[in-house]
Structures are given as structure tokens and as C-alpha cells.
């Protein structure tokens, strides 16, 4: 059985390992002669993180103290932790992953991007818990125009409710939008209640869209959908109908790939995808 003492010991070993991996030159500090032990000193990490030395020392020793999200993020940056390592730090200290994009804007690995690109005619994109579109393939870009949108606009639920160019191509917009909102609300149940990025998004959408505001305030128990089911082709009125599959890309950062398949047709081929070319 995993005890709290064991978790604190794991945290202490994790912090010590990463502190000893770094030298002064790695963090922009001048060398100060030979050191008795490898790596940075505790006071250097505390100074880089902007936290008190005593508090950091107790934290590294695995003492039973409470630390804030900002404390953890500052320590993660001081120790130059990557996304996976930052997530591990949060799991050890708070027993949950960091909030979406708290550490840095997420990305996918080259192999995940290659997997999407290899799908060719199958639109596919990766979203996070907030439904920001993190990565996509050419077929998805042709269908939704991700590359032509700003970072703030490249959020799937935001696009559905506020992008006029997309809305006019959705012949079943009301049904699709309500299904998507139901699934979006379900995803948000896994997010911290006070996540500032998610709060900002939902507040903005309530200001920008009367439909979002009405359905957000009176949630229903309708169907869920990760993607739109019906959309018109960009250049002609050809109506494309899809079904979706969802693949987990990174469980800790809540990154998932949504893949579009022609509805009612085998995955080996479909006339519906001709409308993408």
C-alpha cells in the first residue's frame, strides 16, 4: 500500500535528483569554484524559483507542508523540468496533474504528428481539456481552417459558437453545438474548479454567444459528441457526414486525438472524403 510517507520520500528523491542534474552554467549562474557535491545548492534553487530558502528546504526534505500551485510551477521552471517532469512533480505534491497549460503551451511529439499526417484523408486533430486545438493534419486543416486562425481562436468549442465561417457550413448546427457542449461540460468536470484559463474561456463564450450562455446556464442531458457530425465542404455544397473515434495522446496533460471517419461507410474508403480534396 502506498503511504503518505512513501509519497513524500519519492518527492524528496525527485527534487534532489533534478537539483543535482543542473550546474550553475545551466541556469545562467557564474561558476564559484569547486563544489563538494554536484549540482545546484538549495539556496540557488530557492533564489531562481523566487521562494524562501527555509520553505524550499522543508519541501525538498519531504516535510508535511502545503505549497501552492504557483510555488510548484516556479520550482519546476527553476529545475528546468519538461512537461512530463512538471506533471510528475504535481502528482507527487498535489496528487493531481497541473492545470491545463499551466507550465507551458503543450505540443505533441513528432511521432504523433506523423501518425496524424499518415491518416491523409482522415481529418484528425489533438485537443486538450479546454478544447484548444494543439495539432492537426492537412485534412483537418482543409475542413476547419485551423492554420488560418489565431491561437486564441483555435479552440474548437469557441469556433463552433463564435466563428461565422464555420457556423454557416454546419447544416445541423443546433444539434451539433448542443452535443459538443455536453461533451465539453463533461470534460471540464476533470479540471480544477478555479482553473483561470477555463474560467476565462467560459466567461468569454457567455458574452459572445447567446446560445452558449442559454445552454450553459440550463444544461441538458443530451447526447455527447467530440466533433461535428455534419458539415458542408468548403468550396461546394457537398454535405459530409462523420463519426468519430478518440485516442488518448497524453493522459496526464489530457491530450486526445479526435479522428473523423465517414459515417456509415467502412474505414477503407469513402466517397465522402472526396469532398476534402
C-alpha atoms as a PDB file:
ATOM      1  CA  UNK A   1       0.000   0.000   0.000  1.00  0.00           C
ATOM      2  CA  UNK A   2       1.345   3.446  -0.954  1.00  0.00           C
ATOM      3  CA  UNK A   3       1.571   5.632   2.172  1.00  0.00           C
ATOM      4  CA  UNK A   4       1.937   9.402   2.522  1.00  0.00           C
ATOM      5  CA  UNK A   5       5.440   8.864   3.927  1.00  0.00           C
ATOM      6  CA  UNK A   6       6.398   6.969   0.798  1.00  0.00           C
ATOM      7  CA  UNK A   7       4.999   9.753  -1.405  1.00  0.00           C
ATOM      8  CA  UNK A   8       6.994  12.382   0.474  1.00  0.00           C
ATOM      9  CA  UNK A   9      10.135  10.280   0.152  1.00  0.00           C
ATOM     10  CA  UNK A  10       9.528   9.994  -3.601  1.00  0.00           C
ATOM     11  CA  UNK A  11       9.099  13.778  -3.790  1.00  0.00           C
ATOM     12  CA  UNK A  12      12.327  14.372  -1.881  1.00  0.00           C
ATOM     13  CA  UNK A  13      14.280  11.986  -4.119  1.00  0.00           C
ATOM     14  CA  UNK A  14      12.765  13.536  -7.260  1.00  0.00           C
ATOM     15  CA  UNK A  15      13.739  17.087  -6.272  1.00  0.00           C
ATOM     16  CA  UNK A  16      17.228  16.074  -5.172  1.00  0.00           C
ATOM     17  CA  UNK A  17      17.832  14.194  -8.419  1.00  0.00           C
ATOM     18  CA  UNK A  18      16.842  17.136 -10.601  1.00  0.00           C
ATOM     19  CA  UNK A  19      18.743  19.678  -8.479  1.00  0.00           C
ATOM     20  CA  UNK A  20      21.924  17.617  -8.781  1.00  0.00           C
ATOM     21  CA  UNK A  21      21.497  17.309 -12.564  1.00  0.00           C
ATOM     22  CA  UNK A  22      21.965  21.052 -13.044  1.00  0.00           C
ATOM     23  CA  UNK A  23      25.135  23.108 -12.771  1.00  0.00           C
ATOM     24  CA  UNK A  24      25.409  26.877 -12.367  1.00  0.00           C
ATOM     25  CA  UNK A  25      26.081  27.338 -16.093  1.00  0.00           C
ATOM     26  CA  UNK A  26      22.811  25.511 -16.926  1.00  0.00           C
ATOM     27  CA  UNK A  27      20.760  28.217 -15.212  1.00  0.00           C
ATOM     28  CA  UNK A  28      22.888  31.258 -16.036  1.00  0.00           C
ATOM     29  CA  UNK A  29      24.784  31.475 -12.742  1.00  0.00           C
ATOM     30  CA  UNK A  30      28.532  32.122 -12.565  1.00  0.00           C
ATOM     31  CA  UNK A  31      30.793  29.266 -11.510  1.00  0.00           C
ATOM     32  CA  UNK A  32      32.075  29.752  -7.971  1.00  0.00           C
ATOM     33  CA  UNK A  33      34.892  27.245  -7.786  1.00  0.00           C
ATOM     34  CA  UNK A  34      34.826  23.585  -6.919  1.00  0.00           C
ATOM     35  CA  UNK A  35      31.766  22.233  -5.147  1.00  0.00           C
ATOM     36  CA  UNK A  36      31.680  19.472  -2.587  1.00  0.00           C
ATOM     37  CA  UNK A  37      28.510  17.999  -4.050  1.00  0.00           C
ATOM     38  CA  UNK A  38      27.298  18.019  -7.662  1.00  0.00           C
ATOM     39  CA  UNK A  39      24.520  20.255  -8.911  1.00  0.00           C
ATOM     40  CA  UNK A  40      22.907  23.411  -7.643  1.00  0.00           C
ATOM     41  CA  UNK A  41      22.714  24.406  -3.999  1.00  0.00           C
ATOM     42  CA  UNK A  42      19.333  24.639  -2.315  1.00  0.00           C
ATOM     43  CA  UNK A  43      19.694  28.387  -1.885  1.00  0.00           C
ATOM     44  CA  UNK A  44      20.303  28.728  -5.630  1.00  0.00           C
ATOM     45  CA  UNK A  45      17.149  26.807  -6.497  1.00  0.00           C
ATOM     46  CA  UNK A  46      15.149  28.847  -3.989  1.00  0.00           C
ATOM     47  CA  UNK A  47      16.502  32.101  -5.429  1.00  0.00           C
ATOM     48  CA  UNK A  48      15.789  31.014  -9.016  1.00  0.00           C
ATOM     49  CA  UNK A  49      12.254  29.990  -8.046  1.00  0.00           C
ATOM     50  CA  UNK A  50      11.645  33.125  -6.006  1.00  0.00           C
ATOM     51  CA  UNK A  51      10.685  31.167  -2.887  1.00  0.00           C
ATOM     52  CA  UNK A  52      12.025  31.194   0.651  1.00  0.00           C
ATOM     53  CA  UNK A  53      15.055  29.021   1.367  1.00  0.00           C
ATOM     54  CA  UNK A  54      13.558  27.521   4.532  1.00  0.00           C
ATOM     55  CA  UNK A  55      10.304  26.672   2.783  1.00  0.00           C
ATOM     56  CA  UNK A  56      12.116  25.110  -0.190  1.00  0.00           C
ATOM     57  CA  UNK A  57      14.392  23.147   2.164  1.00  0.00           C
ATOM     58  CA  UNK A  58      11.406  21.722   4.025  1.00  0.00           C
ATOM     59  CA  UNK A  59       9.719  20.956   0.703  1.00  0.00           C
ATOM     60  CA  UNK A  60      12.753  19.073  -0.614  1.00  0.00           C
ATOM     61  CA  UNK A  61      13.056  17.190   2.657  1.00  0.00           C
ATOM     62  CA  UNK A  62       9.518  15.923   2.159  1.00  0.00           C
ATOM     63  CA  UNK A  63       8.092  17.602   5.244  1.00  0.00           C
ATOM     64  CA  UNK A  64       4.331  17.812   5.650  1.00  0.00           C
ATOM     65  CA  UNK A  65       3.819  21.372   4.397  1.00  0.00           C
ATOM     66  CA  UNK A  66       1.301  22.806   1.963  1.00  0.00           C
ATOM     67  CA  UNK A  67       2.582  24.509  -1.165  1.00  0.00           C
ATOM     68  CA  UNK A  68       0.664  26.448  -3.784  1.00  0.00           C
ATOM     69  CA  UNK A  69       0.339  25.798  -7.495  1.00  0.00           C
ATOM     70  CA  UNK A  70       2.499  28.847  -8.243  1.00  0.00           C
ATOM     71  CA  UNK A  71       5.193  27.528  -5.869  1.00  0.00           C
ATOM     72  CA  UNK A  72       5.302  24.231  -7.768  1.00  0.00           C
ATOM     73  CA  UNK A  73       5.413  25.953 -11.149  1.00  0.00           C
ATOM     74  CA  UNK A  74       8.248  28.226 -10.022  1.00  0.00           C
ATOM     75  CA  UNK A  75      10.246  25.264  -8.736  1.00  0.00           C
ATOM     76  CA  UNK A  76       9.558  23.372 -11.983  1.00  0.00           C
ATOM     77  CA  UNK A  77      10.930  26.272 -14.025  1.00  0.00           C
ATOM     78  CA  UNK A  78      13.950  26.692 -11.747  1.00  0.00           C
ATOM     79  CA  UNK A  79      14.804  23.000 -12.149  1.00  0.00           C
ATOM     80  CA  UNK A  80      14.132  23.168 -15.908  1.00  0.00           C
ATOM     81  CA  UNK A  81      11.551  20.380 -15.782  1.00  0.00           C
ATOM     82  CA  UNK A  82       9.852  19.422 -19.025  1.00  0.00           C
ATOM     83  CA  UNK A  83       6.079  18.863 -19.286  1.00  0.00           C
ATOM     84  CA  UNK A  84       6.203  15.231 -18.142  1.00  0.00           C
ATOM     85  CA  UNK A  85       8.511  16.039 -15.225  1.00  0.00           C
ATOM     86  CA  UNK A  86       6.374  19.020 -14.180  1.00  0.00           C
ATOM     87  CA  UNK A  87       3.339  16.755 -14.243  1.00  0.00           C
ATOM     88  CA  UNK A  88       5.158  14.200 -12.066  1.00  0.00           C
ATOM     89  CA  UNK A  89       6.058  16.927  -9.574  1.00  0.00           C
ATOM     90  CA  UNK A  90       2.382  17.932  -9.293  1.00  0.00           C
ATOM     91  CA  UNK A  91       1.293  14.320  -8.858  1.00  0.00           C
ATOM     92  CA  UNK A  92       3.778  13.832  -6.027  1.00  0.00           C
ATOM     93  CA  UNK A  93       2.980  17.117  -4.284  1.00  0.00           C
ATOM     94  CA  UNK A  94      -0.726  17.640  -5.046  1.00  0.00           C
ATOM     95  CA  UNK A  95      -1.783  14.176  -6.277  1.00  0.00           C
ATOM     96  CA  UNK A  96      -3.170  15.692  -9.489  1.00  0.00           C
ATOM     97  CA  UNK A  97      -1.680  16.953 -12.739  1.00  0.00           C
ATOM     98  CA  UNK A  98      -1.057  20.661 -13.201  1.00  0.00           C
ATOM     99  CA  UNK A  99      -3.946  22.645 -14.700  1.00  0.00           C
ATOM    100  CA  UNK A 100      -4.102  22.803 -18.474  1.00  0.00           C
ATOM    101  CA  UNK A 101      -1.193  24.803 -19.934  1.00  0.00           C
ATOM    102  CA  UNK A 102      -0.040  25.960 -16.503  1.00  0.00           C
ATOM    103  CA  UNK A 103       3.553  25.025 -17.305  1.00  0.00           C
ATOM    104  CA  UNK A 104       3.724  25.915 -20.991  1.00  0.00           C
ATOM    105  CA  UNK A 105       1.640  25.633 -24.157  1.00  0.00           C
ATOM    106  CA  UNK A 106       1.504  21.906 -24.914  1.00  0.00           C
ATOM    107  CA  UNK A 107       2.720  20.220 -28.060  1.00  0.00           C
ATOM    108  CA  UNK A 108       2.641  16.718 -29.473  1.00  0.00           C
ATOM    109  CA  UNK A 109       5.622  14.533 -30.245  1.00  0.00           C
ATOM    110  CA  UNK A 110       6.869  14.225 -33.834  1.00  0.00           C
ATOM    111  CA  UNK A 111       5.557  10.646 -33.927  1.00  0.00           C
ATOM    112  CA  UNK A 112       2.026  11.746 -33.014  1.00  0.00           C
ATOM    113  CA  UNK A 113       2.170  14.394 -35.731  1.00  0.00           C
ATOM    114  CA  UNK A 114       3.431  11.777 -38.190  1.00  0.00           C
ATOM    115  CA  UNK A 115       0.576   9.458 -37.188  1.00  0.00           C
ATOM    116  CA  UNK A 116      -1.963  12.167 -37.987  1.00  0.00           C
ATOM    117  CA  UNK A 117      -0.226  13.061 -41.255  1.00  0.00           C
ATOM    118  CA  UNK A 118      -0.218   9.390 -42.281  1.00  0.00           C
ATOM    119  CA  UNK A 119      -4.014   9.323 -41.998  1.00  0.00           C
ATOM    120  CA  UNK A 120      -4.042  11.542 -45.125  1.00  0.00           C
ATOM    121  CA  UNK A 121      -7.792  11.730 -45.952  1.00  0.00           C
ATOM    122  CA  UNK A 122      -8.948  11.264 -42.347  1.00  0.00           C
ATOM    123  CA  UNK A 123      -9.282  14.636 -40.578  1.00  0.00           C
ATOM    124  CA  UNK A 124      -7.568  14.416 -37.190  1.00  0.00           C
ATOM    125  CA  UNK A 125      -6.619  16.934 -34.535  1.00  0.00           C
ATOM    126  CA  UNK A 126      -5.415  16.932 -30.929  1.00  0.00           C
ATOM    127  CA  UNK A 127      -7.202  18.935 -28.227  1.00  0.00           C
ATOM    128  CA  UNK A 128      -6.595  19.493 -24.535  1.00  0.00           C
ATOM    129  CA  UNK A 129      -9.048  19.647 -21.645  1.00  0.00           C
ATOM    130  CA  UNK A 130     -10.036  23.203 -22.620  1.00  0.00           C
ATOM    131  CA  UNK A 131     -10.515  22.076 -26.238  1.00  0.00           C
ATOM    132  CA  UNK A 132      -7.683  24.205 -27.576  1.00  0.00           C
ATOM    133  CA  UNK A 133      -6.563  22.633 -30.858  1.00  0.00           C
ATOM    134  CA  UNK A 134      -2.923  21.703 -30.274  1.00  0.00           C
ATOM    135  CA  UNK A 135      -2.053  19.936 -33.543  1.00  0.00           C
ATOM    136  CA  UNK A 136      -3.792  18.737 -36.704  1.00  0.00           C
ATOM    137  CA  UNK A 137      -3.233  17.122 -40.083  1.00  0.00           C
ATOM    138  CA  UNK A 138      -3.812  18.530 -43.560  1.00  0.00           C
ATOM    139  CA  UNK A 139      -7.280  17.010 -43.929  1.00  0.00           C
ATOM    140  CA  UNK A 140      -8.435  18.631 -40.668  1.00  0.00           C
ATOM    141  CA  UNK A 141      -6.961  21.966 -41.696  1.00  0.00           C
ATOM    142  CA  UNK A 142      -8.768  21.768 -45.019  1.00  0.00           C
ATOM    143  CA  UNK A 143     -12.029  21.040 -43.225  1.00  0.00           C
ATOM    144  CA  UNK A 144     -11.746  23.561 -40.354  1.00  0.00           C
ATOM    145  CA  UNK A 145      -9.045  26.068 -41.376  1.00  0.00           C
ATOM    146  CA  UNK A 146      -7.028  25.769 -38.156  1.00  0.00           C
ATOM    147  CA  UNK A 147      -3.835  27.259 -39.596  1.00  0.00           C
ATOM    148  CA  UNK A 148      -5.624  30.454 -40.625  1.00  0.00           C
ATOM    149  CA  UNK A 149      -6.875  31.185 -37.097  1.00  0.00           C
ATOM    150  CA  UNK A 150      -5.053  32.893 -34.259  1.00  0.00           C
ATOM    151  CA  UNK A 151      -4.008  30.946 -31.183  1.00  0.00           C
ATOM    152  CA  UNK A 152      -6.951  32.332 -29.199  1.00  0.00           C
ATOM    153  CA  UNK A 153      -9.418  31.486 -31.981  1.00  0.00           C
ATOM    154  CA  UNK A 154      -8.052  27.959 -32.385  1.00  0.00           C
ATOM    155  CA  UNK A 155     -10.307  26.474 -29.740  1.00  0.00           C
ATOM    156  CA  UNK A 156     -12.870  24.002 -31.028  1.00  0.00           C
ATOM    157  CA  UNK A 157     -15.808  24.909 -28.793  1.00  0.00           C
ATOM    158  CA  UNK A 158     -15.093  28.607 -29.415  1.00  0.00           C
ATOM    159  CA  UNK A 159     -15.026  28.024 -33.179  1.00  0.00           C
ATOM    160  CA  UNK A 160     -18.391  26.266 -33.151  1.00  0.00           C
ATOM    161  CA  UNK A 161     -20.129  29.032 -31.197  1.00  0.00           C
ATOM    162  CA  UNK A 162     -18.404  32.182 -32.491  1.00  0.00           C
ATOM    163  CA  UNK A 163     -16.855  31.551 -35.949  1.00  0.00           C
ATOM    164  CA  UNK A 164     -19.393  32.651 -38.637  1.00  0.00           C
ATOM    165  CA  UNK A 165     -17.479  30.896 -41.431  1.00  0.00           C
ATOM    166  CA  UNK A 166     -17.809  27.544 -39.660  1.00  0.00           C
ATOM    167  CA  UNK A 167     -21.361  28.001 -38.449  1.00  0.00           C
ATOM    168  CA  UNK A 168     -22.744  28.603 -41.947  1.00  0.00           C
ATOM    169  CA  UNK A 169     -21.178  25.282 -43.040  1.00  0.00           C
ATOM    170  CA  UNK A 170     -22.926  23.303 -40.307  1.00  0.00           C
ATOM    171  CA  UNK A 171     -26.409  22.372 -41.591  1.00  0.00           C
ATOM    172  CA  UNK A 172     -27.249  20.777 -38.228  1.00  0.00           C
ATOM    173  CA  UNK A 173     -25.542  23.446 -36.151  1.00  0.00           C
ATOM    174  CA  UNK A 174     -28.028  23.443 -33.265  1.00  0.00           C
ATOM    175  CA  UNK A 175     -27.828  19.671 -32.758  1.00  0.00           C
ATOM    176  CA  UNK A 176     -24.050  19.545 -33.202  1.00  0.00           C
ATOM    177  CA  UNK A 177     -23.440  22.529 -30.918  1.00  0.00           C
ATOM    178  CA  UNK A 178     -25.552  21.104 -28.088  1.00  0.00           C
ATOM    179  CA  UNK A 179     -23.878  17.692 -28.331  1.00  0.00           C
ATOM    180  CA  UNK A 180     -20.437  19.302 -28.324  1.00  0.00           C
ATOM    181  CA  UNK A 181     -21.295  21.500 -25.349  1.00  0.00           C
ATOM    182  CA  UNK A 182     -22.497  18.450 -23.393  1.00  0.00           C
ATOM    183  CA  UNK A 183     -19.188  16.695 -24.040  1.00  0.00           C
ATOM    184  CA  UNK A 184     -17.215  19.860 -23.267  1.00  0.00           C
ATOM    185  CA  UNK A 185     -19.026  20.196 -19.927  1.00  0.00           C
ATOM    186  CA  UNK A 186     -18.236  16.563 -19.163  1.00  0.00           C
ATOM    187  CA  UNK A 187     -14.530  17.158 -19.849  1.00  0.00           C
ATOM    188  CA  UNK A 188     -14.479  20.214 -17.582  1.00  0.00           C
ATOM    189  CA  UNK A 189     -15.536  18.010 -14.670  1.00  0.00           C
ATOM    190  CA  UNK A 190     -11.931  16.732 -14.661  1.00  0.00           C
ATOM    191  CA  UNK A 191     -10.484  20.257 -14.454  1.00  0.00           C
ATOM    192  CA  UNK A 192      -9.800  22.236 -11.258  1.00  0.00           C
ATOM    193  CA  UNK A 193     -12.845  24.372 -10.469  1.00  0.00           C
ATOM    194  CA  UNK A 194     -10.752  27.557 -10.336  1.00  0.00           C
ATOM    195  CA  UNK A 195      -8.632  26.996 -13.464  1.00  0.00           C
ATOM    196  CA  UNK A 196      -8.214  30.589 -14.732  1.00  0.00           C
ATOM    197  CA  UNK A 197      -7.858  29.611 -18.403  1.00  0.00           C
ATOM    198  CA  UNK A 198     -11.093  27.600 -18.404  1.00  0.00           C
ATOM    199  CA  UNK A 199     -12.973  30.241 -16.415  1.00  0.00           C
ATOM    200  CA  UNK A 200     -11.834  32.916 -18.871  1.00  0.00           C
ATOM    201  CA  UNK A 201     -12.979  30.816 -21.844  1.00  0.00           C
ATOM    202  CA  UNK A 202     -16.454  30.057 -20.492  1.00  0.00           C
ATOM    203  CA  UNK A 203     -16.971  33.691 -19.413  1.00  0.00           C
ATOM    204  CA  UNK A 204     -15.907  34.912 -22.854  1.00  0.00           C
ATOM    205  CA  UNK A 205     -18.233  32.491 -24.638  1.00  0.00           C
ATOM    206  CA  UNK A 206     -21.168  33.562 -22.487  1.00  0.00           C
ATOM    207  CA  UNK A 207     -20.510  37.149 -23.567  1.00  0.00           C
ATOM    208  CA  UNK A 208     -20.043  36.327 -27.256  1.00  0.00           C
ATOM    209  CA  UNK A 209     -22.814  33.763 -27.813  1.00  0.00           C
ATOM    210  CA  UNK A 210     -26.387  33.955 -26.544  1.00  0.00           C
ATOM    211  CA  UNK A 211     -26.860  30.280 -27.456  1.00  0.00           C
ATOM    212  CA  UNK A 212     -23.822  29.239 -25.414  1.00  0.00           C
ATOM    213  CA  UNK A 213     -24.990  31.350 -22.477  1.00  0.00           C
ATOM    214  CA  UNK A 214     -28.521  29.899 -22.549  1.00  0.00           C
ATOM    215  CA  UNK A 215     -27.400  26.268 -22.846  1.00  0.00           C
ATOM    216  CA  UNK A 216     -24.571  26.765 -20.341  1.00  0.00           C
ATOM    217  CA  UNK A 217     -26.991  28.072 -17.713  1.00  0.00           C
ATOM    218  CA  UNK A 218     -29.546  25.317 -18.349  1.00  0.00           C
ATOM    219  CA  UNK A 219     -27.569  22.146 -19.038  1.00  0.00           C
ATOM    220  CA  UNK A 220     -29.450  19.244 -20.541  1.00  0.00           C
ATOM    221  CA  UNK A 221     -28.794  15.529 -20.584  1.00  0.00           C
ATOM    222  CA  UNK A 222     -28.449  15.177 -24.341  1.00  0.00           C
ATOM    223  CA  UNK A 223     -26.037  13.156 -26.402  1.00  0.00           C
ATOM    224  CA  UNK A 224     -22.293  13.744 -26.313  1.00  0.00           C
ATOM    225  CA  UNK A 225     -20.128  14.375 -29.357  1.00  0.00           C
ATOM    226  CA  UNK A 226     -16.429  15.136 -29.676  1.00  0.00           C
ATOM    227  CA  UNK A 227     -16.701  16.522 -33.213  1.00  0.00           C
ATOM    228  CA  UNK A 228     -19.256  17.849 -35.668  1.00  0.00           C
ATOM    229  CA  UNK A 229     -21.367  15.182 -37.347  1.00  0.00           C
ATOM    230  CA  UNK A 230     -22.399  17.086 -40.464  1.00  0.00           C
ATOM    231  CA  UNK A 231     -20.503  19.793 -42.353  1.00  0.00           C
ATOM    232  CA  UNK A 232     -20.569  21.234 -45.859  1.00  0.00           C
ATOM    233  CA  UNK A 233     -17.434  21.157 -47.971  1.00  0.00           C
ATOM    234  CA  UNK A 234     -15.506  24.422 -48.152  1.00  0.00           C
ATOM    235  CA  UNK A 235     -15.881  25.061 -51.901  1.00  0.00           C
ATOM    236  CA  UNK A 236     -19.212  23.437 -52.739  1.00  0.00           C
ATOM    237  CA  UNK A 237     -22.475  22.377 -51.050  1.00  0.00           C
ATOM    238  CA  UNK A 238     -21.413  18.726 -50.769  1.00  0.00           C
ATOM    239  CA  UNK A 239     -22.583  17.570 -47.349  1.00  0.00           C
ATOM    240  CA  UNK A 240     -20.096  15.453 -45.390  1.00  0.00           C
ATOM    241  CA  UNK A 241     -21.226  13.252 -42.519  1.00  0.00           C
ATOM    242  CA  UNK A 242     -18.824  11.877 -39.937  1.00  0.00           C
ATOM    243  CA  UNK A 243     -18.453   9.653 -36.943  1.00  0.00           C
ATOM    244  CA  UNK A 244     -15.514   9.964 -34.549  1.00  0.00           C
ATOM    245  CA  UNK A 245     -13.008   7.981 -32.551  1.00  0.00           C
ATOM    246  CA  UNK A 246     -10.924   9.402 -29.704  1.00  0.00           C
ATOM    247  CA  UNK A 247      -7.363   8.323 -28.894  1.00  0.00           C
ATOM    248  CA  UNK A 248      -5.524   9.327 -25.734  1.00  0.00           C
ATOM    249  CA  UNK A 249      -2.244  11.042 -26.623  1.00  0.00           C
ATOM    250  CA  UNK A 250      -1.152  12.109 -23.121  1.00  0.00           C
ATOM    251  CA  UNK A 251      -3.311  11.088 -20.158  1.00  0.00           C
ATOM    252  CA  UNK A 252      -1.658  13.440 -17.657  1.00  0.00           C
ATOM    253  CA  UNK A 253      -1.984  16.543 -19.846  1.00  0.00           C
ATOM    254  CA  UNK A 254      -5.436  15.454 -21.074  1.00  0.00           C
ATOM    255  CA  UNK A 255      -4.369  15.496 -24.728  1.00  0.00           C
ATOM    256  CA  UNK A 256      -6.646  13.496 -27.018  1.00  0.00           C
ATOM    257  CA  UNK A 257      -6.762  12.948 -30.740  1.00  0.00           C
ATOM    258  CA  UNK A 258     -10.122  13.198 -32.498  1.00  0.00           C
ATOM    259  CA  UNK A 259     -10.243  11.264 -35.776  1.00  0.00           C
ATOM    260  CA  UNK A 260     -13.092  11.768 -38.279  1.00  0.00           C
ATOM    261  CA  UNK A 261     -14.442   8.796 -40.248  1.00  0.00           C
ATOM    262  CA  UNK A 262     -17.159   8.923 -42.932  1.00  0.00           C
ATOM    263  CA  UNK A 263     -20.450   7.979 -41.292  1.00  0.00           C
ATOM    264  CA  UNK A 264     -21.907   4.627 -42.270  1.00  0.00           C
ATOM    265  CA  UNK A 265     -19.032   3.608 -44.530  1.00  0.00           C
ATOM    266  CA  UNK A 266     -16.094   1.235 -43.991  1.00  0.00           C
ATOM    267  CA  UNK A 267     -12.814   2.797 -42.879  1.00  0.00           C
ATOM    268  CA  UNK A 268     -11.034   1.553 -46.026  1.00  0.00           C
ATOM    269  CA  UNK A 269     -12.563   4.186 -48.263  1.00  0.00           C
ATOM    270  CA  UNK A 270     -15.388   6.656 -48.712  1.00  0.00           C
ATOM    271  CA  UNK A 271     -16.810   8.961 -51.310  1.00  0.00           C
ATOM    272  CA  UNK A 272     -17.406  11.480 -48.532  1.00  0.00           C
ATOM    273  CA  UNK A 273     -13.692  12.160 -48.164  1.00  0.00           C
ATOM    274  CA  UNK A 274     -13.562  13.170 -51.838  1.00  0.00           C
ATOM    275  CA  UNK A 275     -15.045  16.458 -50.760  1.00  0.00           C
ATOM    276  CA  UNK A 276     -11.825  17.253 -48.868  1.00  0.00           C
ATOM    277  CA  UNK A 277      -9.643  17.201 -51.967  1.00  0.00           C
END
